[in-house]
């Protein structure tokens, strides 16, 4: 149970806030940041949003006022030192802020975490965390519905709807509850246009992204009696299609659209290492696999990032072998 009274007290008792989120932010991260920014502004607080990564082009409409800043140590180090509160949104592990991690850790500001992922690193001072929520945006919406319902204007409803719609897989994932539908209906009553938001996020892709998707789908392989599917993306793929890492959002889910597949992996080569996205169905635990490699996430959606390590056949095979061993251990 999240203590929204405590969150209210922290807001009331402090003046300057910095909001940040994880590397390669998704709509839940950006939408939640923007909504919380507007809440704090309503209460007359000084607030800045500073992220490690640029906002993906299909999410820039959520930041129509261009308030999100990209972290620069020279520009922002003093800001982090002097803030009253640093709010980590949609993450519970400081390292996922990458270049901002040091500035957060060295700051004397109160550090609070608003999130719905498992296994926090316990470095924050206060956690407003519940894994039963479908999205971080739902936590912020529940805070407003519980404590400040009149604050839910159209400009706050839009980013919260985007956050929730995307992290529920367009309302098809298992944490999509009757209560969530009722609360989202309230956002629609505030003027949210579901068709328009879906179109902006999912149906306005750059040609480069579609070319990259085509290449990625062509790499799909099946293993373990066709229960495991995996795909790969190399740096050469990014260069030749002129696509970006953020374009790969949701690519991994195509693995699970194959009949009989219960576990899907996507290997992405980065400039300074590689990352693996894990997706699963039912009681197959993607998060347990990601944990083996220092990652984390949700029961059926997780990831792990490997810095300064080469993505080669040996490293891919090792992760695939661990994945198959896990499937065998649970009788799949």
Protein backbone atom coordinates (compact mmCIF):
# COMPACT_ATOMS: atom_id res chain seq x y z
CA UNK A 1 0.00 0.00 0.00
CA UNK A 2 1.53 3.30 -1.09
CA UNK A 3 1.47 6.07 1.51
CA UNK A 4 0.10 8.98 -0.50
CA UNK A 5 -0.12 11.08 2.69
CA UNK A 6 3.67 10.88 2.97
CA UNK A 7 4.09 11.85 -0.68
CA UNK A 8 1.82 14.83 -0.03
CA UNK A 9 3.96 15.84 2.96
CA UNK A 10 7.18 15.67 0.96
CA UNK A 11 5.69 17.89 -1.72
CA UNK A 12 4.39 20.38 0.84
CA UNK A 13 7.60 20.57 2.89
CA UNK A 14 10.07 21.08 0.04
CA UNK A 15 10.53 23.71 -2.64
CA UNK A 16 12.93 22.57 -5.38
CA UNK A 17 12.54 19.27 -7.24
CA UNK A 18 14.42 17.46 -9.99
CA UNK A 19 12.63 14.69 -11.89
CA UNK A 20 14.51 12.05 -13.84
CA UNK A 21 13.96 8.62 -15.35
CA UNK A 22 15.74 5.65 -16.88
CA UNK A 23 17.92 5.45 -19.98
CA UNK A 24 15.91 5.19 -23.22
CA UNK A 25 12.65 6.35 -21.65
CA UNK A 26 9.33 4.94 -22.82
CA UNK A 27 5.90 6.57 -22.70
CA UNK A 28 5.33 5.53 -19.08
CA UNK A 29 8.54 7.30 -18.08
CA UNK A 30 7.99 10.47 -20.12
CA UNK A 31 4.25 10.67 -19.46
CA UNK A 32 4.71 10.19 -15.73
CA UNK A 33 7.47 12.81 -15.59
CA UNK A 34 5.37 15.39 -17.44
CA UNK A 35 2.29 14.72 -15.30
CA UNK A 36 4.27 14.95 -12.04
CA UNK A 37 6.00 18.10 -13.29
CA UNK A 38 2.62 19.75 -13.84
CA UNK A 39 1.41 18.63 -10.39
CA UNK A 40 4.44 20.20 -8.72
CA UNK A 41 4.07 23.37 -10.77
CA UNK A 42 0.47 23.63 -9.59
CA UNK A 43 1.75 23.71 -6.01
CA UNK A 44 4.20 26.50 -6.87
CA UNK A 45 7.34 24.37 -6.70
CA UNK A 46 10.59 24.91 -8.58
CA UNK A 47 10.94 21.85 -10.77
CA UNK A 48 13.19 20.65 -13.60
CA UNK A 49 13.15 17.43 -15.61
CA UNK A 50 16.65 16.17 -16.49
CA UNK A 51 17.14 12.87 -18.31
CA UNK A 52 20.15 10.94 -19.55
CA UNK A 53 18.54 10.16 -22.91
CA UNK A 54 16.81 12.35 -25.42
CA UNK A 55 13.03 11.94 -25.65
CA UNK A 56 12.05 9.55 -28.48
CA UNK A 57 10.59 11.45 -31.42
CA UNK A 58 7.19 9.74 -31.13
CA UNK A 59 6.84 10.96 -27.53
CA UNK A 60 7.86 14.60 -27.99
CA UNK A 61 4.18 15.60 -28.24
CA UNK A 62 3.90 14.82 -24.51
CA UNK A 63 6.47 17.55 -23.83
CA UNK A 64 4.85 20.33 -25.84
CA UNK A 65 6.49 22.98 -23.64
CA UNK A 66 9.99 21.48 -24.11
CA UNK A 67 10.68 21.27 -20.38
CA UNK A 68 12.72 18.04 -20.54
CA UNK A 69 16.47 18.68 -20.49
CA UNK A 70 19.24 16.32 -21.54
CA UNK A 71 21.81 15.90 -18.78
CA UNK A 72 25.07 17.80 -19.08
CA UNK A 73 27.44 17.58 -16.11
CA UNK A 74 28.77 21.12 -16.41
CA UNK A 75 25.27 22.54 -16.72
CA UNK A 76 23.43 20.39 -14.18
CA UNK A 77 25.86 19.21 -11.47
CA UNK A 78 25.17 22.21 -9.20
CA UNK A 79 21.44 21.84 -9.80
CA UNK A 80 21.52 18.32 -8.37
CA UNK A 81 23.63 19.42 -5.40
CA UNK A 82 21.22 22.18 -4.43
CA UNK A 83 17.88 20.47 -4.99
CA UNK A 84 15.63 19.67 -2.05
CA UNK A 85 14.23 16.50 -3.63
CA UNK A 86 15.27 14.25 -6.53
CA UNK A 87 12.41 12.14 -7.86
CA UNK A 88 13.29 8.95 -9.75
CA UNK A 89 10.31 8.04 -11.90
CA UNK A 90 9.63 4.61 -13.46
CA UNK A 91 12.85 3.07 -12.12
CA UNK A 92 14.10 1.81 -8.79
CA UNK A 93 17.80 1.39 -9.50
CA UNK A 94 20.01 4.49 -9.60
CA UNK A 95 22.34 2.93 -12.18
CA UNK A 96 19.58 3.08 -14.80
CA UNK A 97 20.06 6.85 -14.94
CA UNK A 98 23.54 6.13 -16.38
CA UNK A 99 25.41 9.48 -16.63
CA UNK A 100 23.24 11.07 -13.90
CA UNK A 101 23.87 8.31 -11.33
CA UNK A 102 26.91 9.99 -9.76
CA UNK A 103 25.18 13.36 -9.40
CA UNK A 104 22.17 11.72 -7.77
CA UNK A 105 24.26 9.62 -5.39
CA UNK A 106 26.44 12.56 -4.32
CA UNK A 107 23.55 14.93 -3.71
CA UNK A 108 22.25 15.61 -0.20
CA UNK A 109 18.74 16.00 -1.61
CA UNK A 110 16.00 13.68 -0.43
CA UNK A 111 15.67 10.92 -2.99
CA UNK A 112 12.26 9.44 -3.69
CA UNK A 113 11.28 6.70 -6.06
CA UNK A 114 7.88 6.39 -7.78
CA UNK A 115 7.80 3.06 -9.57
CA UNK A 116 6.13 -0.30 -10.18
CA UNK A 117 9.13 -2.56 -10.86
CA UNK A 118 10.51 -5.32 -8.66
CA UNK A 119 13.76 -5.49 -6.68
CA UNK A 120 14.64 -1.87 -5.78
CA UNK A 121 18.28 -1.18 -4.98
CA UNK A 122 17.24 0.46 -1.65
CA UNK A 123 19.29 3.62 -2.20
CA UNK A 124 16.38 6.05 -2.14
CA UNK A 125 15.10 7.65 1.06
CA UNK A 126 11.44 7.05 0.25
CA UNK A 127 9.77 4.51 -2.01
CA UNK A 128 6.31 4.94 -3.46
CA UNK A 129 6.41 1.57 -5.13
CA UNK A 130 3.87 -1.16 -5.75
CA UNK A 131 4.38 -3.92 -8.32
CA UNK A 132 0.62 -4.48 -8.54
CA UNK A 133 0.25 -1.26 -10.51
CA UNK A 134 0.27 -1.68 -14.29
CA UNK A 135 2.29 1.49 -14.87
CA UNK A 136 4.03 4.27 -12.98
CA UNK A 137 1.48 6.54 -14.59
CA UNK A 138 -1.22 4.57 -12.80
CA UNK A 139 0.47 5.28 -9.44
CA UNK A 140 0.46 9.00 -10.17
CA UNK A 141 -3.15 8.80 -11.35
CA UNK A 142 -4.12 6.95 -8.17
CA UNK A 143 -2.35 9.63 -6.10
CA UNK A 144 -4.42 12.28 -7.84
CA UNK A 145 -7.69 10.35 -7.65
CA UNK A 146 -7.08 9.78 -3.93
CA UNK A 147 -5.74 13.17 -2.87
CA UNK A 148 -6.15 15.80 -5.60
CA UNK A 149 -8.81 14.79 -8.11
CA UNK A 150 -9.55 18.40 -9.17
CA UNK A 151 -5.96 18.65 -10.49
CA UNK A 152 -6.71 16.16 -13.27
CA UNK A 153 -7.02 18.57 -16.15
CA UNK A 154 -6.72 17.68 -19.83
CA UNK A 155 -3.02 18.60 -19.84
CA UNK A 156 -2.34 16.11 -17.03
CA UNK A 157 -4.77 13.49 -18.33
CA UNK A 158 -3.02 13.18 -21.71
CA UNK A 159 0.47 12.16 -20.46
CA UNK A 160 -1.06 9.84 -17.84
CA UNK A 161 -3.22 8.13 -20.47
CA UNK A 162 -0.18 7.68 -22.72
CA UNK A 163 1.80 6.22 -19.81
CA UNK A 164 -0.89 3.73 -18.87
CA UNK A 165 -1.97 2.78 -22.39
CA UNK A 166 1.54 1.84 -23.44
CA UNK A 167 2.64 0.00 -20.30
CA UNK A 168 -0.52 -2.12 -20.33
CA UNK A 169 0.08 -3.11 -23.94
CA UNK A 170 -2.99 -1.13 -24.96
CA UNK A 171 -4.91 -2.57 -21.99
CA UNK A 172 -4.20 -6.24 -22.69
CA UNK A 173 -1.61 -7.15 -20.01
CA UNK A 174 -2.60 -8.99 -16.85
CA UNK A 175 -2.53 -6.01 -14.47
CA UNK A 176 -5.27 -4.29 -16.45
CA UNK A 177 -7.95 -4.28 -13.75
CA UNK A 178 -11.58 -3.06 -13.68
CA UNK A 179 -10.46 -0.19 -11.43
CA UNK A 180 -7.83 0.84 -13.94
CA UNK A 181 -10.43 0.92 -16.71
CA UNK A 182 -12.68 3.09 -14.55
CA UNK A 183 -9.86 5.50 -13.76
CA UNK A 184 -8.79 5.68 -17.40
CA UNK A 185 -12.41 6.39 -18.35
CA UNK A 186 -12.14 9.46 -16.12
CA UNK A 187 -9.12 10.60 -18.15
CA UNK A 188 -11.14 10.21 -21.33
CA UNK A 189 -13.91 12.27 -19.73
CA UNK A 190 -11.28 14.98 -19.28
CA UNK A 191 -10.83 15.17 -23.03
CA UNK A 192 -8.25 12.51 -23.83
CA UNK A 193 -8.60 11.22 -27.40
CA UNK A 194 -7.46 7.55 -27.36
CA UNK A 195 -7.33 7.30 -31.16
CA UNK A 196 -5.11 10.37 -31.45
CA UNK A 197 -2.68 9.30 -28.72
CA UNK A 198 -2.34 5.77 -30.11
CA UNK A 199 -1.73 7.19 -33.57
CA UNK A 200 1.00 9.57 -32.37
CA UNK A 201 2.84 6.88 -30.43
CA UNK A 202 2.48 3.83 -32.67
CA UNK A 203 1.36 4.91 -36.15
CA UNK A 204 3.75 7.75 -36.97
CA UNK A 205 6.98 5.76 -37.27
CA UNK A 206 9.89 7.00 -39.32
CA UNK A 207 10.73 4.92 -42.39
CA UNK A 208 14.08 4.08 -40.79
CA UNK A 209 12.30 2.32 -37.91
CA UNK A 210 10.21 0.19 -40.29
CA UNK A 211 13.33 -0.77 -42.23
CA UNK A 212 15.03 -1.79 -38.99
CA UNK A 213 11.98 -3.81 -37.94
CA UNK A 214 12.08 -5.68 -41.24
CA UNK A 215 15.73 -6.58 -40.72
CA UNK A 216 15.08 -7.63 -37.15
CA UNK A 217 12.15 -9.89 -38.00
CA UNK A 218 14.34 -11.58 -40.59
CA UNK A 219 16.72 -12.70 -37.81
CA UNK A 220 14.12 -14.62 -35.76
CA UNK A 221 15.22 -18.09 -34.75
CA UNK A 222 13.39 -20.75 -32.75
CA UNK A 223 14.93 -23.04 -30.12
CA UNK A 224 13.87 -25.52 -27.46
CA UNK A 225 11.02 -27.21 -29.33
CA UNK A 226 9.97 -23.82 -30.73
CA UNK A 227 9.15 -22.45 -27.26
CA UNK A 228 11.95 -19.89 -27.32
CA UNK A 229 12.36 -17.25 -30.03
CA UNK A 230 15.12 -14.68 -30.34
CA UNK A 231 16.19 -11.84 -32.63
CA UNK A 232 19.34 -9.76 -33.01
CA UNK A 233 20.13 -6.18 -34.00
CA UNK A 234 23.71 -5.10 -34.72
CA UNK A 235 25.29 -1.67 -34.88
CA UNK A 236 25.57 -2.20 -38.63
CA UNK A 237 21.77 -2.56 -38.78
CA UNK A 238 21.37 0.81 -37.07
CA UNK A 239 23.89 2.45 -39.41
CA UNK A 240 22.45 1.06 -42.63
CA UNK A 241 18.83 1.84 -41.74
CA UNK A 242 19.68 5.15 -40.01
CA UNK A 243 17.50 4.05 -37.10
CA UNK A 244 18.08 4.65 -33.38
CA UNK A 245 18.07 2.48 -30.28
CA UNK A 246 14.77 4.01 -29.16
CA UNK A 247 13.18 2.74 -32.39
CA UNK A 248 13.44 -0.82 -31.07
CA UNK A 249 10.72 -0.30 -28.44
CA UNK A 250 8.31 -3.29 -28.56
CA UNK A 251 10.27 -5.16 -31.26
CA UNK A 252 10.84 -8.01 -28.80
CA UNK A 253 7.09 -8.63 -28.53
CA UNK A 254 6.98 -10.01 -32.07
CA UNK A 255 8.68 -13.13 -30.71
CA UNK A 256 5.61 -13.90 -28.63
CA UNK A 257 3.29 -13.63 -31.62
CA UNK A 258 4.66 -16.96 -32.88
CA UNK A 259 2.50 -19.97 -32.06
CA UNK A 260 3.84 -21.94 -29.10
CA UNK A 261 6.53 -19.45 -28.07
CA UNK A 262 6.55 -18.71 -24.32
CA UNK A 263 9.84 -16.80 -24.10
CA UNK A 264 11.23 -14.19 -26.47
CA UNK A 265 14.61 -12.45 -26.44
CA UNK A 266 15.97 -9.49 -28.38
CA UNK A 267 19.73 -8.89 -28.45
CA UNK A 268 20.73 -5.31 -29.32
CA UNK A 269 24.34 -4.34 -29.94
CA UNK A 270 25.16 -0.92 -28.50
CA UNK A 271 28.13 1.37 -29.03
CA UNK A 272 29.46 0.49 -25.57
CA UNK A 273 28.11 -3.01 -25.03
CA UNK A 274 24.77 -4.68 -25.63
CA UNK A 275 21.39 -5.22 -24.04
CA UNK A 276 18.88 -8.03 -23.95
CA UNK A 277 15.10 -7.66 -23.68
CA UNK A 278 13.15 -10.62 -22.26
CA UNK A 279 9.41 -11.15 -22.80
CA UNK A 280 7.38 -14.14 -21.65
CA UNK A 281 3.91 -15.56 -21.26
CA UNK A 282 2.05 -16.97 -18.26
CA UNK A 283 4.20 -18.22 -15.42
CA UNK A 284 7.45 -18.03 -17.36
CA UNK A 285 9.41 -15.41 -15.39
CA UNK A 286 11.28 -12.98 -17.63
CA UNK A 287 12.44 -11.06 -14.55
CA UNK A 288 14.17 -14.11 -13.06
CA UNK A 289 16.17 -14.54 -16.24
CA UNK A 290 17.11 -10.88 -16.37
CA UNK A 291 18.18 -11.05 -12.71
CA UNK A 292 20.76 -13.69 -13.63
CA UNK A 293 22.53 -11.02 -15.65
CA UNK A 294 22.14 -8.08 -13.30
CA UNK A 295 18.93 -6.83 -14.88
CA UNK A 296 15.32 -6.75 -13.78
CA UNK A 297 11.80 -5.71 -14.59
CA UNK A 298 8.40 -7.35 -14.39
CA UNK A 299 7.28 -10.97 -14.33
CA UNK A 300 6.73 -11.07 -18.10
CA UNK A 301 8.82 -8.11 -19.29
CA UNK A 302 12.41 -7.47 -18.24
CA UNK A 303 15.84 -6.54 -19.53
CA UNK A 304 19.56 -6.54 -18.83
CA UNK A 305 22.30 -4.24 -20.05
CA UNK A 306 25.94 -5.22 -20.50
CA UNK A 307 28.38 -2.30 -20.53
CA UNK A 308 31.71 -2.54 -22.34
CA UNK A 309 31.07 -6.14 -23.35
CA UNK A 310 31.04 -7.44 -26.89
CA UNK A 311 27.87 -8.96 -28.29
CA UNK A 312 29.20 -11.99 -30.12
CA UNK A 313 28.04 -15.55 -30.73
CA UNK A 314 29.62 -16.73 -27.48
CA UNK A 315 27.78 -14.21 -25.30
CA UNK A 316 24.51 -14.77 -27.16
CA UNK A 317 24.83 -18.54 -26.80
CA UNK A 318 25.52 -18.26 -23.06
CA UNK A 319 22.35 -16.25 -22.46
CA UNK A 320 20.33 -18.61 -24.66
CA UNK A 321 21.69 -21.63 -22.78
CA UNK A 322 20.69 -20.07 -19.46
CA UNK A 323 17.25 -19.32 -20.87
CA UNK A 324 16.74 -22.90 -22.05
CA UNK A 325 17.97 -24.25 -18.70
CA UNK A 326 15.42 -22.04 -16.96
CA UNK A 327 12.59 -23.25 -19.20
CA UNK A 328 13.56 -26.86 -18.50
CA UNK A 329 13.64 -26.17 -14.76
CA UNK A 330 9.98 -25.08 -14.80
CA UNK A 331 8.84 -27.90 -17.06
CA UNK A 332 8.58 -25.94 -20.30
